Amino acid sequence: MFTPNMEGVEVLELRLPRVGGDEPLLSEKMKLLCSRNLSSEFQIPLPSSKEEVLRGLDRLVQSARVLLLDESELYFVEDDDSGPFCPRNELESLNLVLSVVDDSSSGSDDGKVEVLRVLKEATVAMISKVGAHCSDYAVCEGSNSSAEELLLKWGEEQGVKTKLKICHFNGAGRGAVAVNDIDTGVTALEIPESLIISEDLLCESEMFEILKNLDGVTAETMMLLWSMKERHNSNSRFKVYFDSLPKEFKTGLSFGIEALGVLEGTVLFEEILQAKEHLRSQYDALCPALCTSCPSIFQPELFTWDQFLWACELWYSNSMKIVFTDGKLKTCLLPIAGFLNHSLCPHILRYGKVDSATNSLKMNVSRPCKGGEQCYLSYGSFPCSHLITFYGFLPRDMHENPYDVIPLDFEASHDDEGSETANAKSSWTIHMVRGTWMAKNKGPPTFGLPPPLLDHLRCILKDDGSEQTPEICKQVDVNKEMERTVLETILSIFNPMTEGLEATGDVDRDGVGWDVKLALDFKDLYRKIISSVLESCSIGLQTLNSLPDRTG
């Protein structure tokens, strides 16, 4: 948009979409924007030099980064850090800015077009840099298997359009590779709505009339049961797809006793046990009864525990949330798309809405993917424990996963519980830590630890009995004794976590099963996160001890 400002100078006005009022992080984001003198609207005077245009772009990108932060990303933002914060946020932010620039390009005269050209070229260049270190040209083990070739051929006959091929990678299984260069914004894979496996198919099956009358059975659970039978249906429309799926998925849900023993004392141990217990109780409540009451539809040999677990792993590891043209959100399976692997720096970020103009799901790339490069998808902002439990892998760059957090549970006192003063102590209702090697500032006053956690502890440990908000805590000159108490409190929380987490570097990982190897790798990561927190606290205490005491 082009408009004169108050002084009559013509300006280029760029506006980022406003955050909705139902955004749970709105208050924190607005507070952060205000503290950095940023907003969602920017004006660039015309004419402007290239340097002035790029300065305006920098502030626009900074605002987009803040507006697109998710909860854990926002929690770990450091006071003097303007970004980039992480690859997901950076790609989302730059693509949003690019769309704002593109939307402002219609009906522009030559002078304004030049400014927009500079903005677009600079944004595209920034996008290309995000994934420059993430390119993966892994050596293929061989050509596509017959099942994969049949699936691709079947998909194309059914209307699938793709710029990808399926290859096998050393140590990483199957993945999707770009046939030719794919530029930002271009569709890498397009799947017709008719090929999306959703609950609509269930309504056509004979089991639906039985399942719809059961209390508390969700559409997702019904689709699990549908998959167990459809997998063995020789006349299924999706036979080629089911034939291309692995006979076993090897996720954390299939971990054996030895692997679980390795994980004892970690968050992953509890996560897997709870998930397996939930699935077992779900199976016991459904399948035996269905097989007894309706054996002609629910054949006992098709509805065993092993078959149920296979279907659960299929849907956990391959399903996607898709918004259809009628506006309904459904959990679906997408043939061919399931071959795309996950990355912390993906090519494809947004893919969850069927295009009403083409009645197809389009997967556009958010950063360039060169010919021969593996094309990655984002499965979501998940910690490594979730990726192991439900997908069965650790990211190659797992030590840079910004979502690998350890949550902390602080109980409110009986005096404060439920009171306004208890809630006033911190605007954050949850607290967490992650590997402090990810922090950009490892010196005082945070030593790599998350600022909201330190603010919260300063408030609850305040020894004068006054109620202080985190903002006030930041403003006062907190004495050494208070800071020492905060760090010692964190040490008291994390020191007990090291029990049973001995180093596993000497274990022969070539001689153990896939599940034990994954468990050992995760245990090393978990131990490293805890060790980094303890080390940061120790460095902080040493630094405080070297400082002179506060006087006056």
Protein backbone atom coordinates (compact mmCIF):
# COMPACT_ATOMS: atom_id res chain seq x y z
CA MET A 1 0.00 0.00 0.00
CA PHE A 2 1.26 3.49 -0.82
CA THR A 3 0.05 6.48 1.16
CA PRO A 4 1.29 9.93 2.31
CA ASN A 5 2.21 10.19 5.98
CA MET A 6 1.43 13.09 8.33
CA GLU A 7 4.17 15.23 6.76
CA GLY A 8 2.85 14.63 3.25
CA VAL A 9 5.78 12.38 2.30
CA GLU A 10 4.75 9.39 0.22
CA VAL A 11 5.53 6.10 1.94
CA LEU A 12 5.33 2.39 1.25
CA GLU A 13 3.19 0.88 4.00
CA LEU A 14 3.67 -2.79 4.84
CA ARG A 15 1.33 -4.51 7.29
CA LEU A 16 1.77 -7.92 8.87
CA PRO A 17 -1.47 -9.79 9.66
CA ARG A 18 -2.75 -8.92 13.12
CA VAL A 19 -2.62 -11.59 15.78
CA GLY A 20 -6.13 -12.77 16.63
CA GLY A 21 -7.64 -11.89 19.97
CA ASP A 22 -7.93 -15.59 20.82
CA GLU A 23 -4.15 -16.06 20.52
CA PRO A 24 -3.11 -17.37 24.00
CA LEU A 25 0.34 -15.78 23.70
CA LEU A 26 -0.96 -12.38 22.51
CA SER A 27 -0.11 -10.52 25.70
CA GLU A 28 3.46 -11.84 25.82
CA LYS A 29 4.04 -11.13 22.14
CA MET A 30 2.68 -7.58 22.35
CA LYS A 31 4.84 -6.98 25.42
CA LEU A 32 7.93 -8.19 23.56
CA LEU A 33 7.15 -6.06 20.49
CA CYS A 34 6.65 -2.99 22.69
CA SER A 35 9.93 -3.55 24.55
CA ARG A 36 11.74 -3.57 21.20
CA ASN A 37 9.81 -0.64 19.74
CA LEU A 38 8.36 -2.83 17.01
CA SER A 39 4.88 -3.12 15.54
CA SER A 40 3.02 -5.01 12.81
CA GLU A 41 2.93 -1.92 10.55
CA PHE A 42 5.92 -0.29 8.84
CA GLN A 43 6.40 2.69 6.59
CA ILE A 44 9.31 3.16 4.21
CA PRO A 45 9.63 6.74 2.86
CA LEU A 46 9.75 7.13 -0.92
CA PRO A 47 12.24 7.49 -2.32
CA SER A 48 14.67 5.66 -0.01
CA SER A 49 18.19 4.36 -0.44
CA LYS A 50 18.79 0.62 -0.58
CA GLU A 51 20.30 0.77 2.91
CA GLU A 52 17.17 2.46 4.29
CA VAL A 53 14.95 -0.14 2.61
CA LEU A 54 16.97 -3.00 4.09
CA ARG A 55 16.83 -1.43 7.55
CA GLY A 56 13.05 -1.31 7.24
CA LEU A 57 13.03 -4.92 6.09
CA ASP A 58 15.11 -5.95 9.09
CA ARG A 59 12.58 -4.48 11.51
CA LEU A 60 9.69 -6.02 9.58
CA VAL A 61 11.34 -9.45 9.85
CA GLN A 62 11.99 -8.92 13.57
CA SER A 63 8.30 -8.23 14.11
CA ALA A 64 7.25 -11.28 12.08
CA ARG A 65 9.57 -13.47 14.16
CA VAL A 66 7.91 -12.35 17.38
CA LEU A 67 4.37 -12.71 16.03
CA LEU A 68 5.05 -16.28 14.83
CA LEU A 69 6.79 -17.61 17.95
CA ASP A 70 5.21 -20.67 19.50
CA GLU A 71 5.06 -21.17 23.26
CA SER A 72 8.42 -22.83 23.88
CA GLU A 73 10.22 -20.57 21.40
CA LEU A 74 8.80 -17.47 23.10
CA TYR A 75 9.74 -18.79 26.53
CA PHE A 76 13.43 -18.97 25.63
CA VAL A 77 13.76 -15.59 23.88
CA GLU A 78 16.63 -13.70 25.47
CA ASP A 79 16.26 -10.01 26.27
CA ASP A 80 18.88 -8.82 23.77
CA ASP A 81 18.24 -11.45 21.06
CA SER A 82 16.43 -10.21 17.96
CA GLY A 83 16.70 -13.54 16.13
CA PRO A 84 16.82 -15.73 14.17
CA PHE A 85 15.36 -17.92 16.93
CA CYS A 86 15.07 -21.26 15.12
CA PRO A 87 14.67 -22.53 11.53
CA ARG A 88 10.90 -23.10 11.77
CA ASN A 89 10.22 -19.59 13.04
CA GLU A 90 12.65 -18.04 10.58
CA LEU A 91 11.15 -19.76 7.53
CA GLU A 92 7.61 -18.93 8.63
CA SER A 93 8.58 -15.30 9.25
CA LEU A 94 10.42 -14.77 5.97
CA ASN A 95 7.67 -16.44 3.94
CA LEU A 96 5.09 -14.22 5.66
CA VAL A 97 7.13 -11.12 4.82
CA LEU A 98 7.51 -12.34 1.24
CA SER A 99 3.73 -12.71 0.90
CA VAL A 100 3.20 -9.19 2.32
CA VAL A 101 5.67 -7.77 -0.21
CA ASP A 102 4.02 -9.68 -3.06
CA ASP A 103 0.57 -8.47 -1.99
CA SER A 104 1.84 -4.86 -2.10
CA SER A 105 3.18 -5.16 -5.66
CA SER A 106 -0.04 -4.62 -7.63
CA GLY A 107 -0.67 -1.23 -9.22
CA SER A 108 2.73 0.27 -8.44
CA ASP A 109 4.64 2.86 -10.43
CA ASP A 110 8.28 2.38 -11.41
CA GLY A 111 9.78 4.03 -8.31
CA LYS A 112 7.72 1.96 -5.93
CA VAL A 113 8.32 -1.21 -7.92
CA GLU A 114 12.06 -0.73 -7.39
CA VAL A 115 11.66 -0.58 -3.61
CA LEU A 116 9.51 -3.72 -3.68
CA ARG A 117 12.07 -5.45 -5.88
CA VAL A 118 14.81 -4.73 -3.35
CA LEU A 119 12.59 -6.02 -0.55
CA LYS A 120 11.70 -9.22 -2.42
CA GLU A 121 15.24 -10.03 -3.55
CA ALA A 122 16.61 -9.49 -0.06
CA THR A 123 13.88 -11.66 1.50
CA VAL A 124 14.40 -14.47 -1.01
CA ALA A 125 18.15 -14.33 -0.33
CA MET A 126 17.50 -14.61 3.43
CA ILE A 127 15.25 -17.63 2.86
CA SER A 128 17.97 -19.36 0.83
CA LYS A 129 20.49 -18.85 3.63
CA VAL A 130 18.26 -20.47 6.25
CA GLY A 131 18.66 -23.93 4.78
CA ALA A 132 22.11 -23.56 3.25
CA HIS A 133 23.70 -25.75 5.96
CA CYS A 134 20.82 -28.25 5.94
CA SER A 135 21.13 -29.56 2.39
CA ASP A 136 21.19 -33.35 2.27
CA TYR A 137 22.51 -35.14 -0.80
CA ALA A 138 22.79 -38.52 0.90
CA VAL A 139 24.04 -41.34 -1.27
CA CYS A 140 21.19 -43.61 -2.34
CA GLU A 141 21.46 -47.32 -1.61
CA GLY A 142 19.58 -48.24 -4.75
CA SER A 143 16.63 -47.54 -6.97
CA ASN A 144 13.02 -47.57 -5.87
CA SER A 145 11.55 -50.90 -4.85
CA SER A 146 8.74 -52.31 -6.95
CA ALA A 147 6.18 -51.38 -4.25
CA GLU A 148 7.31 -47.76 -4.31
CA GLU A 149 7.40 -47.62 -8.09
CA LEU A 150 3.88 -49.04 -8.22
CA LEU A 151 2.71 -46.48 -5.65
CA LEU A 152 4.13 -43.54 -7.62
CA LYS A 153 2.66 -44.85 -10.86
CA TRP A 154 -0.70 -45.48 -9.20
CA GLY A 155 -0.68 -42.01 -7.66
CA GLU A 156 0.07 -40.29 -10.96
CA GLU A 157 -2.74 -42.26 -12.62
CA GLN A 158 -5.07 -41.00 -9.88
CA GLY A 159 -4.07 -37.36 -10.42
CA VAL A 160 -1.05 -36.91 -8.14
CA LYS A 161 1.42 -34.31 -9.42
CA THR A 162 4.92 -34.50 -8.04
CA LYS A 163 8.38 -33.08 -8.53
CA LEU A 164 9.79 -35.73 -6.20
CA LYS A 165 10.99 -39.32 -6.42
CA ILE A 166 11.41 -41.89 -3.66
CA CYS A 167 14.92 -43.07 -2.82
CA HIS A 168 16.63 -45.10 -0.10
CA PHE A 169 19.28 -43.36 2.01
CA ASN A 170 22.20 -44.84 3.88
CA GLY A 171 21.15 -45.29 7.49
CA ALA A 172 17.95 -43.30 7.05
CA GLY A 173 15.55 -45.51 5.11
CA ARG A 174 13.25 -44.04 2.50
CA GLY A 175 12.95 -40.38 1.62
CA ALA A 176 11.73 -38.00 -1.09
CA VAL A 177 14.22 -36.34 -3.43
CA ALA A 178 13.67 -33.39 -5.77
CA VAL A 179 13.90 -34.45 -9.42
CA ASN A 180 14.82 -30.88 -10.46
CA ASP A 181 15.33 -27.56 -8.68
CA ILE A 182 12.19 -26.39 -6.81
CA ASP A 183 12.00 -22.68 -6.01
CA THR A 184 10.38 -21.15 -2.93
CA GLY A 185 6.60 -21.19 -3.19
CA VAL A 186 6.46 -23.87 -5.88
CA THR A 187 4.35 -27.00 -5.32
CA ALA A 188 6.52 -30.07 -4.74
CA LEU A 189 3.64 -32.52 -4.29
CA GLU A 190 -0.07 -32.22 -5.08
CA ILE A 191 -2.54 -34.89 -3.96
CA PRO A 192 -6.18 -34.95 -5.10
CA GLU A 193 -8.78 -34.83 -2.34
CA SER A 194 -10.12 -38.15 -3.64
CA LEU A 195 -6.86 -39.90 -2.63
CA ILE A 196 -6.84 -38.61 0.94
CA ILE A 197 -7.72 -41.36 3.41
CA SER A 198 -10.12 -39.85 5.95
CA GLU A 199 -13.12 -40.77 8.07
CA ASP A 200 -15.33 -40.27 4.99
CA LEU A 201 -14.20 -43.72 3.83
CA LEU A 202 -15.31 -45.21 7.11
CA CYS A 203 -18.90 -44.15 6.43
CA GLU A 204 -18.87 -46.36 3.32
CA SER A 205 -17.75 -49.46 5.25
CA GLU A 206 -19.89 -52.16 6.84
CA MET A 207 -18.29 -51.62 10.24
CA PHE A 208 -19.53 -48.04 10.50
CA GLU A 209 -23.08 -49.01 11.45
CA ILE A 210 -21.68 -50.89 14.44
CA LEU A 211 -19.00 -48.42 15.52
CA LYS A 212 -21.18 -45.31 15.33
CA ASN A 213 -23.36 -46.62 18.16
CA LEU A 214 -20.45 -47.18 20.58
CA ASP A 215 -20.05 -44.61 23.32
CA GLY A 216 -16.81 -42.63 23.47
CA VAL A 217 -15.27 -44.00 20.27
CA THR A 218 -13.68 -41.19 18.25
CA ALA A 219 -13.37 -40.96 14.48
CA GLU A 220 -9.61 -41.51 14.86
CA THR A 221 -10.17 -44.78 16.74
CA MET A 222 -12.68 -45.91 14.13
CA MET A 223 -10.10 -45.27 11.41
CA LEU A 224 -7.59 -47.42 13.30
CA LEU A 225 -10.05 -50.31 13.18
CA TRP A 226 -10.86 -49.60 9.52
CA SER A 227 -7.14 -49.71 8.66
CA MET A 228 -6.67 -53.05 10.38
CA LYS A 229 -9.18 -54.63 8.03
CA GLU A 230 -8.54 -52.58 4.90
CA ARG A 231 -4.86 -53.52 5.03
CA HIS A 232 -5.84 -57.09 4.15
CA ASN A 233 -8.57 -56.24 1.64
CA SER A 234 -7.38 -57.43 -1.78
CA ASN A 235 -10.08 -55.31 -3.46
CA SER A 236 -9.25 -52.10 -1.60
CA ARG A 237 -8.92 -48.88 -3.61
CA PHE A 238 -5.78 -48.30 -1.55
CA LYS A 239 -4.22 -51.75 -1.88
CA VAL A 240 -1.13 -50.32 -3.63
CA TYR A 241 -0.68 -47.87 -0.78
CA PHE A 242 -1.03 -50.48 1.96
CA ASP A 243 1.38 -52.80 0.11
CA SER A 244 4.03 -50.05 0.18
CA LEU A 245 3.87 -49.70 3.98
CA PRO A 246 6.43 -51.44 6.20
CA LYS A 247 5.50 -54.68 7.94
CA GLU A 248 6.64 -53.10 11.21
CA PHE A 249 7.19 -49.42 12.05
CA LYS A 250 9.74 -49.65 14.89
CA THR A 251 8.54 -46.70 16.95
CA GLY A 252 8.91 -46.25 20.69
CA LEU A 253 5.60 -48.05 21.10
CA SER A 254 7.43 -51.25 20.06
CA PHE A 255 10.35 -50.83 22.48
CA GLY A 256 11.33 -54.00 24.32
CA ILE A 257 12.16 -54.48 28.00
CA GLU A 258 15.91 -53.89 27.51
CA ALA A 259 15.34 -50.54 25.77
CA LEU A 260 12.87 -49.43 28.44
CA GLY A 261 15.42 -50.39 31.09
CA VAL A 262 17.95 -48.06 29.48
CA LEU A 263 15.42 -45.21 29.56
CA GLU A 264 14.43 -45.50 33.22
CA GLY A 265 14.72 -42.07 34.86
CA THR A 266 14.09 -40.12 31.65
CA VAL A 267 10.98 -38.34 30.37
CA LEU A 268 10.86 -40.78 27.45
CA PHE A 269 10.47 -43.75 29.81
CA GLU A 270 7.26 -42.32 31.28
CA GLU A 271 5.98 -41.16 27.90
CA ILE A 272 6.29 -44.62 26.33
CA LEU A 273 4.81 -46.44 29.32
CA GLN A 274 1.80 -44.12 29.46
CA ALA A 275 1.23 -44.40 25.69
CA LYS A 276 1.46 -48.22 25.71
CA GLU A 277 -0.83 -48.46 28.72
CA HIS A 278 -3.39 -46.22 27.03
CA LEU A 279 -3.30 -48.23 23.80
CA ARG A 280 -3.55 -51.55 25.60
CA SER A 281 -6.58 -50.44 27.57
CA GLN A 282 -8.12 -49.07 24.37
CA TYR A 283 -7.58 -52.38 22.58
CA ASP A 284 -8.92 -54.45 25.49
CA ALA A 285 -12.06 -52.32 25.65
CA LEU A 286 -12.81 -52.66 21.93
CA CYS A 287 -11.44 -55.51 19.90
CA PRO A 288 -12.23 -58.64 21.94
CA ALA A 289 -15.85 -57.53 22.36
CA LEU A 290 -16.25 -56.60 18.69
CA CYS A 291 -14.75 -59.88 17.53
CA THR A 292 -17.13 -61.79 19.82
CA SER A 293 -20.29 -59.90 18.89
CA CYS A 294 -19.62 -59.40 15.15
CA PRO A 295 -17.03 -62.00 14.01
CA SER A 296 -18.13 -61.76 10.37
CA ILE A 297 -17.05 -58.11 10.25
CA PHE A 298 -14.37 -58.04 12.95
CA GLN A 299 -12.53 -61.25 12.16
CA PRO A 300 -10.43 -62.27 15.20
CA GLU A 301 -7.32 -63.01 13.09
CA LEU A 302 -7.35 -59.42 11.75
CA PHE A 303 -7.95 -57.70 15.08
CA THR A 304 -5.13 -59.01 17.26
CA TRP A 305 -3.05 -56.82 19.56
CA ASP A 306 -0.13 -56.85 17.10
CA GLN A 307 -2.41 -55.73 14.26
CA PHE A 308 -3.85 -52.99 16.48
CA LEU A 309 -0.39 -51.76 17.44
CA TRP A 310 0.64 -51.71 13.75
CA ALA A 311 -2.40 -49.55 12.91
CA CYS A 312 -1.65 -47.21 15.82
CA GLU A 313 1.94 -46.77 14.67
CA LEU A 314 0.74 -46.17 11.11
CA TRP A 315 -1.60 -43.37 12.14
CA TYR A 316 0.75 -41.83 14.69
CA SER A 317 3.70 -41.75 12.29
CA ASN A 318 1.95 -41.01 8.98
CA SER A 319 -1.27 -39.12 9.68
CA MET A 320 -1.74 -35.39 9.12
CA LYS A 321 -4.39 -32.89 10.19
CA ILE A 322 -6.14 -31.62 7.06
CA VAL A 323 -8.81 -28.93 6.61
CA PHE A 324 -11.18 -29.93 3.81
CA THR A 325 -13.12 -27.64 1.48
CA ASP A 326 -16.15 -27.89 3.78
CA GLY A 327 -14.07 -26.40 6.60
CA LYS A 328 -13.86 -29.61 8.63
CA LEU A 329 -10.54 -30.62 10.22
CA LYS A 330 -9.85 -34.35 9.90
CA THR A 331 -6.97 -36.69 10.71
CA CYS A 332 -5.89 -38.28 7.43
CA LEU A 333 -3.39 -40.51 5.67
CA LEU A 334 -1.80 -39.15 2.50
CA PRO A 335 -0.37 -41.75 0.10
CA ILE A 336 3.13 -40.81 -1.17
CA ALA A 337 3.42 -37.84 1.25
CA GLY A 338 4.26 -40.33 3.98
CA PHE A 339 7.67 -40.88 2.37
CA LEU A 340 8.80 -37.34 3.23
CA ASN A 341 11.10 -37.30 6.24
CA HIS A 342 11.13 -34.77 9.07
CA SER A 343 13.74 -32.06 9.59
CA LEU A 344 14.23 -29.19 12.01
CA CYS A 345 14.91 -27.11 8.90
CA PRO A 346 12.24 -28.42 6.50
CA HIS A 347 11.35 -27.42 2.97
CA ILE A 348 7.61 -27.92 3.47
CA LEU A 349 6.04 -26.21 6.48
CA ARG A 350 2.38 -25.53 5.70
CA TYR A 351 0.32 -28.19 3.97
CA GLY A 352 -2.84 -28.65 5.97
CA LYS A 353 -5.61 -27.21 3.79
CA VAL A 354 -7.26 -28.55 0.64
CA ASP A 355 -7.26 -25.96 -2.18
CA SER A 356 -10.90 -25.29 -3.06
CA ALA A 357 -9.99 -24.23 -6.62
CA THR A 358 -8.29 -27.54 -7.49
CA ASN A 359 -9.78 -29.86 -4.83
CA SER A 360 -6.26 -30.96 -4.02
CA LEU A 361 -3.74 -30.70 -1.22
CA LYS A 362 -0.68 -28.73 -2.34
CA MET A 363 2.64 -29.03 -0.58
CA ASN A 364 4.62 -25.91 -1.45
CA VAL A 365 8.25 -25.46 -0.44
CA SER A 366 9.14 -22.67 1.98
CA ARG A 367 12.79 -22.71 0.96
CA PRO A 368 14.48 -23.83 -2.27
CA CYS A 369 15.13 -27.52 -2.83
CA LYS A 370 17.76 -28.32 -5.43
CA GLY A 371 17.61 -31.27 -7.78
CA GLY A 372 18.96 -34.38 -6.04
CA GLU A 373 18.42 -32.90 -2.59
CA GLN A 374 16.21 -34.65 -0.06
CA CYS A 375 12.96 -32.71 0.37
CA TYR A 376 11.97 -32.52 4.03
CA LEU A 377 8.62 -32.02 5.71
CA SER A 378 7.93 -30.63 9.18
CA TYR A 379 6.06 -33.15 11.33
CA GLY A 380 5.58 -30.44 13.94
CA SER A 381 7.41 -28.68 16.78
CA PHE A 382 8.09 -31.84 18.75
CA PRO A 383 10.72 -32.81 21.35
CA CYS A 384 12.89 -35.82 20.58
CA SER A 385 10.98 -37.94 23.10
CA HIS A 386 7.80 -37.49 21.05
CA LEU A 387 9.61 -38.22 17.78
CA ILE A 388 10.93 -41.50 19.18
CA THR A 389 7.65 -42.56 20.79
CA PHE A 390 5.40 -41.95 17.81
CA TYR A 391 7.76 -41.83 14.81
CA GLY A 392 10.70 -44.01 15.81
CA PHE A 393 13.68 -41.75 15.07
CA LEU A 394 15.92 -38.99 16.37
CA PRO A 395 16.64 -36.03 14.07
CA ARG A 396 20.13 -36.03 12.65
CA ASP A 397 20.64 -32.56 14.16
CA MET A 398 18.98 -33.58 17.43
CA HIS A 399 21.28 -31.42 19.58
CA GLU A 400 19.80 -28.34 17.91
CA ASN A 401 16.16 -29.25 18.52
CA PRO A 402 14.72 -26.13 20.25
CA TYR A 403 11.69 -28.12 21.42
CA ASP A 404 13.66 -30.56 23.54
CA VAL A 405 12.60 -29.18 26.90
CA ILE A 406 12.35 -30.58 30.41
CA PRO A 407 9.19 -29.21 32.05
CA LEU A 408 9.30 -28.09 35.68
CA ASP A 409 6.43 -28.32 38.14
CA PHE A 410 6.29 -25.60 40.78
CA GLU A 411 3.53 -26.10 43.33
CA ALA A 412 1.78 -23.05 44.70
CA SER A 413 1.69 -22.66 48.47
CA HIS A 414 -1.58 -23.20 50.33
CA ASP A 415 -1.70 -19.49 51.13
CA ASP A 416 -1.29 -18.40 47.54
CA GLU A 417 -2.96 -21.23 45.67
CA GLY A 418 -5.74 -19.87 43.47
CA SER A 419 -5.18 -16.28 44.58
CA GLU A 420 -4.57 -13.31 42.34
CA THR A 421 -1.17 -12.70 43.94
CA ALA A 422 -0.03 -16.20 43.03
CA ASN A 423 -0.91 -15.60 39.41
CA ALA A 424 0.70 -12.17 39.48
CA LYS A 425 4.10 -13.61 40.29
CA SER A 426 4.65 -14.71 36.72
CA SER A 427 2.87 -14.29 33.42
CA TRP A 428 4.05 -17.83 32.57
CA THR A 429 2.02 -20.73 33.93
CA ILE A 430 4.64 -23.33 32.95
CA HIS A 431 8.39 -23.34 33.26
CA MET A 432 11.04 -25.43 31.52
CA VAL A 433 14.70 -25.74 30.58
CA ARG A 434 16.54 -26.94 27.49
CA GLY A 435 20.20 -27.44 26.60
CA THR A 436 21.93 -24.21 27.60
CA TRP A 437 24.33 -24.60 24.66
CA MET A 438 21.48 -23.16 22.55
CA ALA A 439 21.53 -19.85 24.46
CA LYS A 440 23.32 -16.97 22.76
CA ASN A 441 24.18 -15.26 26.06
CA LYS A 442 25.96 -17.63 28.42
CA GLY A 443 27.15 -14.90 30.79
CA PRO A 444 25.38 -12.93 33.52
CA PRO A 445 22.63 -12.39 34.40
CA THR A 446 21.13 -15.56 32.85
CA PHE A 447 24.20 -17.81 32.22
CA GLY A 448 22.28 -19.49 29.41
CA LEU A 449 19.24 -20.28 31.57
CA PRO A 450 15.73 -19.16 30.49
CA PRO A 451 14.88 -15.63 31.74
CA PRO A 452 11.25 -16.49 32.73
CA LEU A 453 12.46 -19.30 35.00
CA LEU A 454 14.99 -17.02 36.73
CA ASP A 455 12.37 -14.27 37.13
CA HIS A 456 9.91 -16.75 38.61
CA LEU A 457 12.41 -18.07 41.14
CA ARG A 458 13.49 -14.55 42.13
CA CYS A 459 9.88 -13.72 42.86
CA ILE A 460 8.99 -16.80 44.90
CA LEU A 461 12.30 -16.67 46.80
CA LYS A 462 11.99 -12.97 47.63
CA ASP A 463 12.71 -12.89 51.35
CA ASP A 464 10.95 -9.66 52.34
CA GLY A 465 7.45 -11.10 51.94
CA SER A 466 6.42 -8.60 49.25
CA GLU A 467 4.65 -9.63 46.07
CA GLN A 468 6.83 -8.77 43.07
CA THR A 469 5.98 -9.21 39.40
CA PRO A 470 8.72 -10.42 37.03
CA GLU A 471 8.92 -6.90 35.56
CA ILE A 472 9.71 -5.41 38.98
CA CYS A 473 12.22 -8.16 39.67
CA LYS A 474 14.10 -7.18 36.54
CA GLN A 475 14.23 -3.53 37.54
CA VAL A 476 15.64 -3.92 41.02
CA ASP A 477 19.32 -4.44 41.76
CA VAL A 478 19.04 -7.99 43.04
CA ASN A 479 21.84 -8.83 45.49
CA LYS A 480 24.34 -11.62 45.13
CA GLU A 481 22.70 -13.69 47.84
CA MET A 482 19.39 -13.74 45.98
CA GLU A 483 21.05 -14.75 42.69
CA ARG A 484 23.06 -17.40 44.48
CA THR A 485 19.88 -18.80 46.05
CA VAL A 486 18.17 -18.91 42.63
CA LEU A 487 21.02 -20.88 41.06
CA GLU A 488 21.29 -23.21 44.06
CA THR A 489 17.55 -23.88 43.81
CA ILE A 490 17.96 -24.96 40.19
CA LEU A 491 20.89 -27.17 41.20
CA SER A 492 18.72 -28.80 43.87
CA ILE A 493 16.11 -29.60 41.22
CA PHE A 494 18.46 -31.08 38.63
CA ASN A 495 21.15 -32.81 40.70
CA PRO A 496 18.80 -35.67 41.66
CA MET A 497 17.96 -36.16 37.96
CA THR A 498 21.52 -37.32 37.27
CA GLU A 499 21.01 -40.46 39.34
CA GLY A 500 20.98 -43.47 37.05
CA LEU A 501 21.99 -41.39 34.02
CA GLU A 502 25.56 -42.64 33.79
CA ALA A 503 27.42 -42.05 30.52
CA THR A 504 26.84 -44.70 27.85
CA GLY A 505 29.70 -43.86 25.52
CA ASP A 506 31.46 -47.22 26.04
CA VAL A 507 28.44 -49.34 25.04
CA ASP A 508 28.87 -51.31 21.81
CA ARG A 509 25.96 -49.89 19.83
CA ASP A 510 26.59 -52.12 16.85
CA GLY A 511 25.77 -55.14 18.94
CA VAL A 512 22.39 -54.01 20.28
CA GLY A 513 18.90 -53.88 18.81
CA TRP A 514 17.45 -50.85 17.04
CA ASP A 515 15.33 -49.95 20.06
CA VAL A 516 18.23 -50.14 22.53
CA LYS A 517 20.37 -47.98 20.24
CA LEU A 518 17.63 -45.34 20.03
CA ALA A 519 17.20 -45.50 23.80
CA LEU A 520 20.93 -45.04 24.39
CA ASP A 521 21.08 -42.08 21.99
CA PHE A 522 18.15 -40.40 23.73
CA LYS A 523 19.60 -41.07 27.17
CA ASP A 524 22.83 -39.37 26.10
CA LEU A 525 20.85 -36.36 24.86
CA TYR A 526 18.78 -36.16 28.05
CA ARG A 527 21.90 -36.42 30.17
CA LYS A 528 23.58 -33.70 28.12
CA ILE A 529 20.66 -31.31 28.66
CA ILE A 530 20.72 -31.84 32.43
CA SER A 531 24.52 -31.56 32.55
CA SER A 532 24.39 -28.26 30.64
CA VAL A 533 21.93 -26.81 33.16
CA LEU A 534 24.12 -27.91 36.08
CA GLU A 535 27.23 -26.52 34.39
CA SER A 536 25.53 -23.16 33.73
CA CYS A 537 24.50 -22.93 37.39
CA SER A 538 28.03 -23.77 38.53
CA ILE A 539 29.53 -21.14 36.22
CA GLY A 540 26.98 -18.65 37.49
CA LEU A 541 27.88 -19.33 41.11
CA GLN A 542 31.60 -18.99 40.34
CA THR A 543 30.95 -15.69 38.59
CA LEU A 544 28.85 -14.38 41.49
CA ASN A 545 31.53 -15.35 44.00
CA SER A 546 34.09 -13.33 42.05
CA LEU A 547 31.93 -10.18 42.11
CA PRO A 548 32.11 -7.63 44.96
CA ASP A 549 29.17 -7.61 47.38
CA ARG A 550 26.52 -4.93 46.83
CA THR A 551 26.72 -2.08 49.29
CA GLY A 552 24.10 0.43 50.38
